[in-house]
Amino acid sequence: MSVFVEVVVSVLIVFGSFVMLVGSVGLAKLPDYFTRLHAPTKASTLGVACILIASMIFFSVQIGHVNLKEVLISMFLLITAPVAAHMLAKAGLHYKVKMTEPTQNQDLAKKAYLQQHPGDNTNK
């Protein structure tokens, strides 16, 4: 294997690992449910994608032909992660999860809740 391929694979693995570490720290340190939901969703998509691209490059060079297993894993991840985050956010709106003061667009969350529950006039 050439040095160029090794460097590319190494950079992708390190970058993907760093992005996933930042997402994990965001999950632990961010103040409320909705901001904590955002960090690992974005990080897992980008971080795992970088690691899978590195795996595709490495094994394609080793085997001599393109291995499409990683492409299927990437497609599954890119489809399921945003859908899961959306459903978790909707569940948070449904259960009136409290937001911290600096969280942006709180008025939109109230409008979305009232649209789903038109008869409920209680404050969040």
N, C-alpha and C. Protein backbone atom coordinates (compact mmCIF):
# COMPACT_ATOMS: atom_id res chain seq x y z
N MET A 1 0.85 -1.17 0.00
CA MET A 1 0.00 0.00 0.00
C MET A 1 0.90 1.23 0.00
N SER A 2 0.48 2.25 -0.76
CA SER A 2 1.31 3.45 -0.87
C SER A 2 1.17 4.33 0.36
N VAL A 3 2.14 5.18 0.53
CA VAL A 3 2.16 6.08 1.68
C VAL A 3 0.99 7.07 1.58
N PHE A 4 0.65 7.48 0.37
CA PHE A 4 -0.46 8.42 0.18
C PHE A 4 -1.77 7.83 0.69
N VAL A 5 -2.04 6.59 0.36
CA VAL A 5 -3.28 5.93 0.80
C VAL A 5 -3.28 5.79 2.32
N GLU A 6 -2.14 5.43 2.89
CA GLU A 6 -2.05 5.31 4.35
C GLU A 6 -2.32 6.65 5.04
N VAL A 7 -1.80 7.73 4.48
CA VAL A 7 -2.02 9.05 5.06
C VAL A 7 -3.49 9.45 4.95
N VAL A 8 -4.11 9.21 3.81
CA VAL A 8 -5.52 9.55 3.62
C VAL A 8 -6.40 8.77 4.59
N VAL A 9 -6.15 7.47 4.70
CA VAL A 9 -6.93 6.63 5.61
C VAL A 9 -6.72 7.09 7.06
N SER A 10 -5.50 7.38 7.42
CA SER A 10 -5.20 7.82 8.79
C SER A 10 -5.88 9.15 9.11
N VAL A 11 -5.83 10.09 8.18
CA VAL A 11 -6.46 11.40 8.40
C VAL A 11 -7.97 11.24 8.55
N LEU A 12 -8.58 10.42 7.71
CA LEU A 12 -10.02 10.21 7.81
C LEU A 12 -10.41 9.55 9.14
N ILE A 13 -9.64 8.60 9.59
CA ILE A 13 -9.95 7.93 10.86
C ILE A 13 -9.78 8.90 12.03
N VAL A 14 -8.70 9.67 12.02
CA VAL A 14 -8.47 10.62 13.11
C VAL A 14 -9.55 11.71 13.11
N PHE A 15 -9.89 12.23 11.93
CA PHE A 15 -10.92 13.27 11.85
C PHE A 15 -12.28 12.72 12.30
N GLY A 16 -12.63 11.52 11.84
CA GLY A 16 -13.89 10.92 12.25
C GLY A 16 -13.94 10.67 13.75
N SER A 17 -12.85 10.21 14.31
CA SER A 17 -12.80 9.98 15.77
C SER A 17 -12.91 11.29 16.53
N PHE A 18 -12.26 12.34 16.04
CA PHE A 18 -12.33 13.64 16.70
C PHE A 18 -13.75 14.20 16.67
N VAL A 19 -14.41 14.09 15.53
CA VAL A 19 -15.79 14.59 15.41
C VAL A 19 -16.70 13.83 16.36
N MET A 20 -16.52 12.52 16.48
CA MET A 20 -17.35 11.74 17.39
C MET A 20 -17.05 12.11 18.85
N LEU A 21 -15.79 12.41 19.16
CA LEU A 21 -15.45 12.85 20.51
C LEU A 21 -16.12 14.18 20.84
N VAL A 22 -16.10 15.11 19.90
CA VAL A 22 -16.76 16.41 20.10
C VAL A 22 -18.27 16.21 20.31
N GLY A 23 -18.88 15.32 19.55
CA GLY A 23 -20.30 15.02 19.74
C GLY A 23 -20.59 14.42 21.10
N SER A 24 -19.70 13.57 21.58
CA SER A 24 -19.88 12.98 22.90
C SER A 24 -19.76 14.02 24.01
N VAL A 25 -18.80 14.92 23.87
CA VAL A 25 -18.64 15.99 24.84
C VAL A 25 -19.87 16.90 24.81
N GLY A 26 -20.37 17.17 23.61
CA GLY A 26 -21.59 17.98 23.48
C GLY A 26 -22.77 17.33 24.15
N LEU A 27 -22.88 16.02 24.03
CA LEU A 27 -23.98 15.29 24.69
C LEU A 27 -23.89 15.44 26.20
N ALA A 28 -22.69 15.44 26.73
CA ALA A 28 -22.51 15.54 28.18
C ALA A 28 -22.63 16.97 28.71
N LYS A 29 -22.22 17.96 27.93
CA LYS A 29 -22.08 19.31 28.46
C LYS A 29 -23.17 20.30 28.06
N LEU A 30 -23.92 20.04 27.01
CA LEU A 30 -24.92 21.02 26.58
C LEU A 30 -26.08 21.10 27.56
N PRO A 31 -26.76 22.25 27.64
CA PRO A 31 -27.66 22.50 28.77
C PRO A 31 -29.03 21.83 28.74
N ASP A 32 -29.64 21.63 27.59
CA ASP A 32 -30.99 21.06 27.62
C ASP A 32 -31.17 19.94 26.60
N TYR A 33 -32.33 19.35 26.63
CA TYR A 33 -32.63 18.14 25.84
C TYR A 33 -32.40 18.37 24.35
N PHE A 34 -32.91 19.45 23.82
CA PHE A 34 -32.87 19.66 22.37
C PHE A 34 -31.46 19.96 21.88
N THR A 35 -30.66 20.71 22.64
CA THR A 35 -29.28 20.93 22.22
C THR A 35 -28.44 19.68 22.41
N ARG A 36 -28.73 18.90 23.45
CA ARG A 36 -28.02 17.62 23.63
C ARG A 36 -28.38 16.64 22.53
N LEU A 37 -29.56 16.72 22.00
CA LEU A 37 -29.97 15.84 20.91
C LEU A 37 -29.23 16.18 19.62
N HIS A 38 -28.97 17.45 19.41
CA HIS A 38 -28.35 17.90 18.17
C HIS A 38 -26.89 17.43 18.03
N ALA A 39 -26.13 17.51 19.10
CA ALA A 39 -24.69 17.24 19.03
C ALA A 39 -24.35 15.81 18.58
N PRO A 40 -24.85 14.76 19.23
CA PRO A 40 -24.44 13.43 18.79
C PRO A 40 -25.04 13.01 17.46
N THR A 41 -26.18 13.58 17.09
CA THR A 41 -26.77 13.22 15.80
C THR A 41 -25.89 13.67 14.66
N LYS A 42 -25.49 14.92 14.69
CA LYS A 42 -24.62 15.44 13.63
C LYS A 42 -23.24 14.79 13.67
N ALA A 43 -22.72 14.60 14.87
CA ALA A 43 -21.38 14.04 15.00
C ALA A 43 -21.34 12.58 14.56
N SER A 44 -22.36 11.83 14.89
CA SER A 44 -22.34 10.42 14.51
C SER A 44 -22.43 10.27 13.00
N THR A 45 -23.22 11.11 12.36
CA THR A 45 -23.34 11.02 10.90
C THR A 45 -22.01 11.34 10.22
N LEU A 46 -21.40 12.45 10.59
CA LEU A 46 -20.14 12.84 9.95
C LEU A 46 -18.98 11.95 10.38
N GLY A 47 -18.89 11.64 11.67
CA GLY A 47 -17.78 10.84 12.17
C GLY A 47 -17.77 9.42 11.63
N VAL A 48 -18.92 8.79 11.67
CA VAL A 48 -19.00 7.41 11.14
C VAL A 48 -18.82 7.41 9.63
N ALA A 49 -19.31 8.44 8.95
CA ALA A 49 -19.11 8.51 7.50
C ALA A 49 -17.62 8.59 7.17
N CYS A 50 -16.86 9.39 7.90
CA CYS A 50 -15.41 9.48 7.65
C CYS A 50 -14.72 8.15 7.91
N ILE A 51 -15.10 7.48 8.98
CA ILE A 51 -14.48 6.19 9.30
C ILE A 51 -14.85 5.15 8.25
N LEU A 52 -16.09 5.17 7.77
CA LEU A 52 -16.49 4.21 6.73
C LEU A 52 -15.81 4.50 5.40
N ILE A 53 -15.60 5.77 5.07
CA ILE A 53 -14.87 6.10 3.84
C ILE A 53 -13.43 5.61 3.95
N ALA A 54 -12.82 5.79 5.12
CA ALA A 54 -11.46 5.28 5.33
C ALA A 54 -11.43 3.76 5.18
N SER A 55 -12.44 3.09 5.71
CA SER A 55 -12.51 1.64 5.58
C SER A 55 -12.68 1.21 4.13
N MET A 56 -13.51 1.94 3.39
CA MET A 56 -13.70 1.61 1.97
C MET A 56 -12.39 1.76 1.20
N ILE A 57 -11.67 2.84 1.45
CA ILE A 57 -10.40 3.06 0.75
C ILE A 57 -9.39 1.97 1.12
N PHE A 58 -9.27 1.70 2.41
CA PHE A 58 -8.27 0.73 2.87
C PHE A 58 -8.54 -0.66 2.28
N PHE A 59 -9.76 -1.14 2.42
CA PHE A 59 -10.04 -2.50 1.95
C PHE A 59 -10.12 -2.59 0.44
N SER A 60 -10.48 -1.50 -0.24
CA SER A 60 -10.46 -1.53 -1.71
C SER A 60 -9.03 -1.67 -2.22
N VAL A 61 -8.10 -1.00 -1.56
CA VAL A 61 -6.69 -1.12 -1.97
C VAL A 61 -6.16 -2.51 -1.60
N GLN A 62 -6.51 -3.03 -0.42
CA GLN A 62 -6.02 -4.34 0.02
C GLN A 62 -6.57 -5.48 -0.85
N ILE A 63 -7.86 -5.45 -1.11
CA ILE A 63 -8.50 -6.54 -1.86
C ILE A 63 -8.27 -6.39 -3.35
N GLY A 64 -8.28 -5.16 -3.83
CA GLY A 64 -8.09 -4.93 -5.25
C GLY A 64 -9.37 -4.59 -5.98
N HIS A 65 -10.49 -4.62 -5.31
CA HIS A 65 -11.75 -4.19 -5.91
C HIS A 65 -12.60 -3.48 -4.84
N VAL A 66 -13.59 -2.75 -5.31
CA VAL A 66 -14.41 -1.95 -4.41
C VAL A 66 -15.33 -2.85 -3.60
N ASN A 67 -15.35 -2.62 -2.29
CA ASN A 67 -16.22 -3.35 -1.38
C ASN A 67 -17.41 -2.47 -1.04
N LEU A 68 -18.63 -2.90 -1.34
CA LEU A 68 -19.80 -2.06 -1.19
C LEU A 68 -20.53 -2.23 0.14
N LYS A 69 -20.01 -3.04 1.04
CA LYS A 69 -20.67 -3.20 2.34
C LYS A 69 -20.70 -1.89 3.11
N GLU A 70 -19.61 -1.14 3.04
CA GLU A 70 -19.56 0.13 3.74
C GLU A 70 -20.54 1.14 3.16
N VAL A 71 -20.79 1.07 1.86
CA VAL A 71 -21.76 1.96 1.24
C VAL A 71 -23.16 1.69 1.78
N LEU A 72 -23.50 0.42 1.94
CA LEU A 72 -24.80 0.08 2.50
C LEU A 72 -24.93 0.55 3.95
N ILE A 73 -23.87 0.40 4.72
CA ILE A 73 -23.87 0.88 6.10
C ILE A 73 -24.04 2.40 6.12
N SER A 74 -23.34 3.10 5.25
CA SER A 74 -23.44 4.56 5.18
C SER A 74 -24.85 5.00 4.81
N MET A 75 -25.45 4.34 3.84
CA MET A 75 -26.82 4.70 3.44
C MET A 75 -27.80 4.48 4.58
N PHE A 76 -27.66 3.37 5.28
CA PHE A 76 -28.54 3.10 6.42
C PHE A 76 -28.37 4.16 7.50
N LEU A 77 -27.14 4.54 7.78
CA LEU A 77 -26.87 5.57 8.79
C LEU A 77 -27.42 6.92 8.37
N LEU A 78 -27.20 7.31 7.12
CA LEU A 78 -27.66 8.61 6.65
C LEU A 78 -29.17 8.70 6.59
N ILE A 79 -29.86 7.58 6.50
CA ILE A 79 -31.32 7.58 6.49
C ILE A 79 -31.87 7.56 7.91
N THR A 80 -31.31 6.72 8.77
CA THR A 80 -31.92 6.51 10.09
C THR A 80 -31.57 7.57 11.13
N ALA A 81 -30.37 8.13 11.11
CA ALA A 81 -29.98 9.09 12.15
C ALA A 81 -30.84 10.35 12.14
N PRO A 82 -31.07 11.00 11.01
CA PRO A 82 -31.92 12.19 11.04
C PRO A 82 -33.38 11.87 11.40
N VAL A 83 -33.88 10.73 10.95
CA VAL A 83 -35.25 10.35 11.26
C VAL A 83 -35.40 10.09 12.76
N ALA A 84 -34.43 9.41 13.35
CA ALA A 84 -34.48 9.15 14.79
C ALA A 84 -34.39 10.45 15.58
N ALA A 85 -33.54 11.38 15.16
CA ALA A 85 -33.42 12.66 15.85
C ALA A 85 -34.72 13.46 15.73
N HIS A 86 -35.34 13.41 14.58
CA HIS A 86 -36.61 14.11 14.40
C HIS A 86 -37.70 13.54 15.31
N MET A 87 -37.76 12.23 15.41
CA MET A 87 -38.78 11.60 16.26
C MET A 87 -38.51 11.89 17.74
N LEU A 88 -37.26 11.91 18.15
CA LEU A 88 -36.94 12.26 19.53
C LEU A 88 -37.29 13.72 19.83
N ALA A 89 -37.05 14.61 18.87
CA ALA A 89 -37.40 16.02 19.07
C ALA A 89 -38.92 16.18 19.16
N LYS A 90 -39.65 15.46 18.33
CA LYS A 90 -41.12 15.54 18.41
C LYS A 90 -41.63 14.99 19.73
N ALA A 91 -40.99 13.94 20.23
CA ALA A 91 -41.38 13.41 21.54
C ALA A 91 -41.08 14.43 22.63
N GLY A 92 -39.98 15.14 22.53
CA GLY A 92 -39.66 16.19 23.50
C GLY A 92 -40.68 17.31 23.47
N LEU A 93 -41.14 17.69 22.27
CA LEU A 93 -42.19 18.70 22.17
C LEU A 93 -43.50 18.19 22.76
N HIS A 94 -43.80 16.95 22.49
CA HIS A 94 -45.06 16.36 22.99
C HIS A 94 -45.10 16.31 24.51
N TYR A 95 -43.99 15.97 25.12
CA TYR A 95 -43.92 15.87 26.59
C TYR A 95 -43.54 17.19 27.26
N LYS A 96 -43.51 18.27 26.49
CA LYS A 96 -43.20 19.62 27.00
C LYS A 96 -41.89 19.65 27.79
N VAL A 97 -40.84 19.12 27.20
CA VAL A 97 -39.53 19.14 27.84
C VAL A 97 -39.07 20.59 27.98
N LYS A 98 -38.60 20.95 29.14
CA LYS A 98 -38.19 22.33 29.42
C LYS A 98 -36.93 22.69 28.62
N MET A 99 -36.90 23.95 28.18
CA MET A 99 -35.74 24.47 27.47
C MET A 99 -35.07 25.52 28.36
N THR A 100 -33.77 25.62 28.24
CA THR A 100 -33.07 26.67 28.97
C THR A 100 -33.29 28.00 28.28
N GLU A 101 -33.01 29.07 28.97
CA GLU A 101 -33.27 30.41 28.44
C GLU A 101 -32.52 30.72 27.14
N PRO A 102 -31.22 30.34 27.01
CA PRO A 102 -30.51 30.69 25.77
C PRO A 102 -30.90 29.85 24.55
N THR A 103 -31.73 28.82 24.72
CA THR A 103 -32.13 28.00 23.58
C THR A 103 -32.95 28.86 22.61
N GLN A 104 -32.57 28.83 21.34
CA GLN A 104 -33.22 29.67 20.35
C GLN A 104 -34.53 29.04 19.88
N ASN A 105 -35.40 29.86 19.33
CA ASN A 105 -36.66 29.47 18.70
C ASN A 105 -37.61 28.77 19.65
N GLN A 106 -37.68 29.23 20.88
CA GLN A 106 -38.63 28.64 21.83
C GLN A 106 -40.06 28.94 21.42
N ASP A 107 -40.29 30.08 20.76
CA ASP A 107 -41.63 30.40 20.30
C ASP A 107 -42.11 29.41 19.24
N LEU A 108 -41.19 28.91 18.41
CA LEU A 108 -41.57 27.92 17.42
C LEU A 108 -41.95 26.59 18.07
N ALA A 109 -41.29 26.24 19.16
CA ALA A 109 -41.63 25.02 19.88
C ALA A 109 -43.03 25.13 20.48
N LYS A 110 -43.36 26.31 21.00
CA LYS A 110 -44.70 26.52 21.56
C LYS A 110 -45.76 26.45 20.47
N LYS A 111 -45.47 27.05 19.30
CA LYS A 111 -46.41 26.99 18.19
C LYS A 111 -46.61 25.55 17.71
N ALA A 112 -45.53 24.78 17.64
CA ALA A 112 -45.65 23.39 17.20
C ALA A 112 -46.47 22.58 18.19
N TYR A 113 -46.28 22.82 19.47
CA TYR A 113 -47.06 22.08 20.47
C TYR A 113 -48.54 22.45 20.37
N LEU A 114 -48.84 23.74 20.23
CA LEU A 114 -50.23 24.17 20.13
C LEU A 114 -50.89 23.70 18.84
N GLN A 115 -50.10 23.53 17.79
CA GLN A 115 -50.65 23.01 16.54
C GLN A 115 -51.04 21.54 16.70
N GLN A 116 -50.25 20.79 17.47
CA GLN A 116 -50.57 19.38 17.70
C GLN A 116 -51.68 19.21 18.73
N HIS A 117 -51.80 20.15 19.67
CA HIS A 117 -52.79 20.08 20.74
C HIS A 117 -53.57 21.39 20.77
N PRO A 118 -54.52 21.59 19.88
CA PRO A 118 -55.17 22.89 19.76
C PRO A 118 -55.97 23.31 20.98
N GLY A 119 -56.47 22.39 21.78
CA GLY A 119 -57.28 22.76 22.93
C GLY A 119 -56.48 23.06 24.18
N ASP A 120 -55.20 22.81 24.18
CA ASP A 120 -54.38 22.97 25.38
C ASP A 120 -53.79 24.38 25.40
N ASN A 121 -54.23 25.21 26.34
CA ASN A 121 -53.72 26.58 26.43
C ASN A 121 -52.79 26.77 27.63
N THR A 122 -52.34 25.69 28.26
CA THR A 122 -51.44 25.81 29.40
C THR A 122 -50.07 26.23 28.92
N ASN A 123 -49.34 26.92 29.76
CA ASN A 123 -47.99 27.35 29.42
C ASN A 123 -47.03 26.20 29.56
N LYS A 124 -45.98 26.26 28.79
CA LYS A 124 -44.94 25.23 28.86
C LYS A 124 -44.12 25.41 30.10
